[in-house]
Amino acid sequence: MSEDDLSALEGNLARQEEALLRNDAFAFHEEDRKFHDYFMKTYGNAMITDFITNLRDRIEGINVNMLKQPGNMELFWSEHRRILEALRRKDGEGATKEMDEHLKGGKERLLRG
């Protein structure tokens, strides 16, 4: 991962944090999508990326409502931060582990409503 990529992700996390501090779930959600889109487009399969994007579009309102639940924006932001920190350390295994935990946790929170 290039320094430019890492800087772009840092900028994304800064915008997430700004939205978090404003308690703006919509803005946070938009930056959250961009964070995940970066990884899907960079490392993913185009067909799977299209499928996930379509699915996310269908449940967008649910995602925003989930972000409005107390503590969820902070939790997602901190998970994103840990992923980026692992990438900065060039710890691919650690980044993969953090992303896996983040996605599993998001799925669990989504299913709980």
Foldseek 3Di string as FASTA:
>chain_A
DDPVVLVVLVVLLVQLVVCVVVLNLVSNLVSVVVNVLVCCVVPHDPVVSVVVVVVCVVCVVLSSVLSNPPPNSVVLSVLSVQLSVCVVVVNPVSNVVSVVVSVVVVVVSSVVD
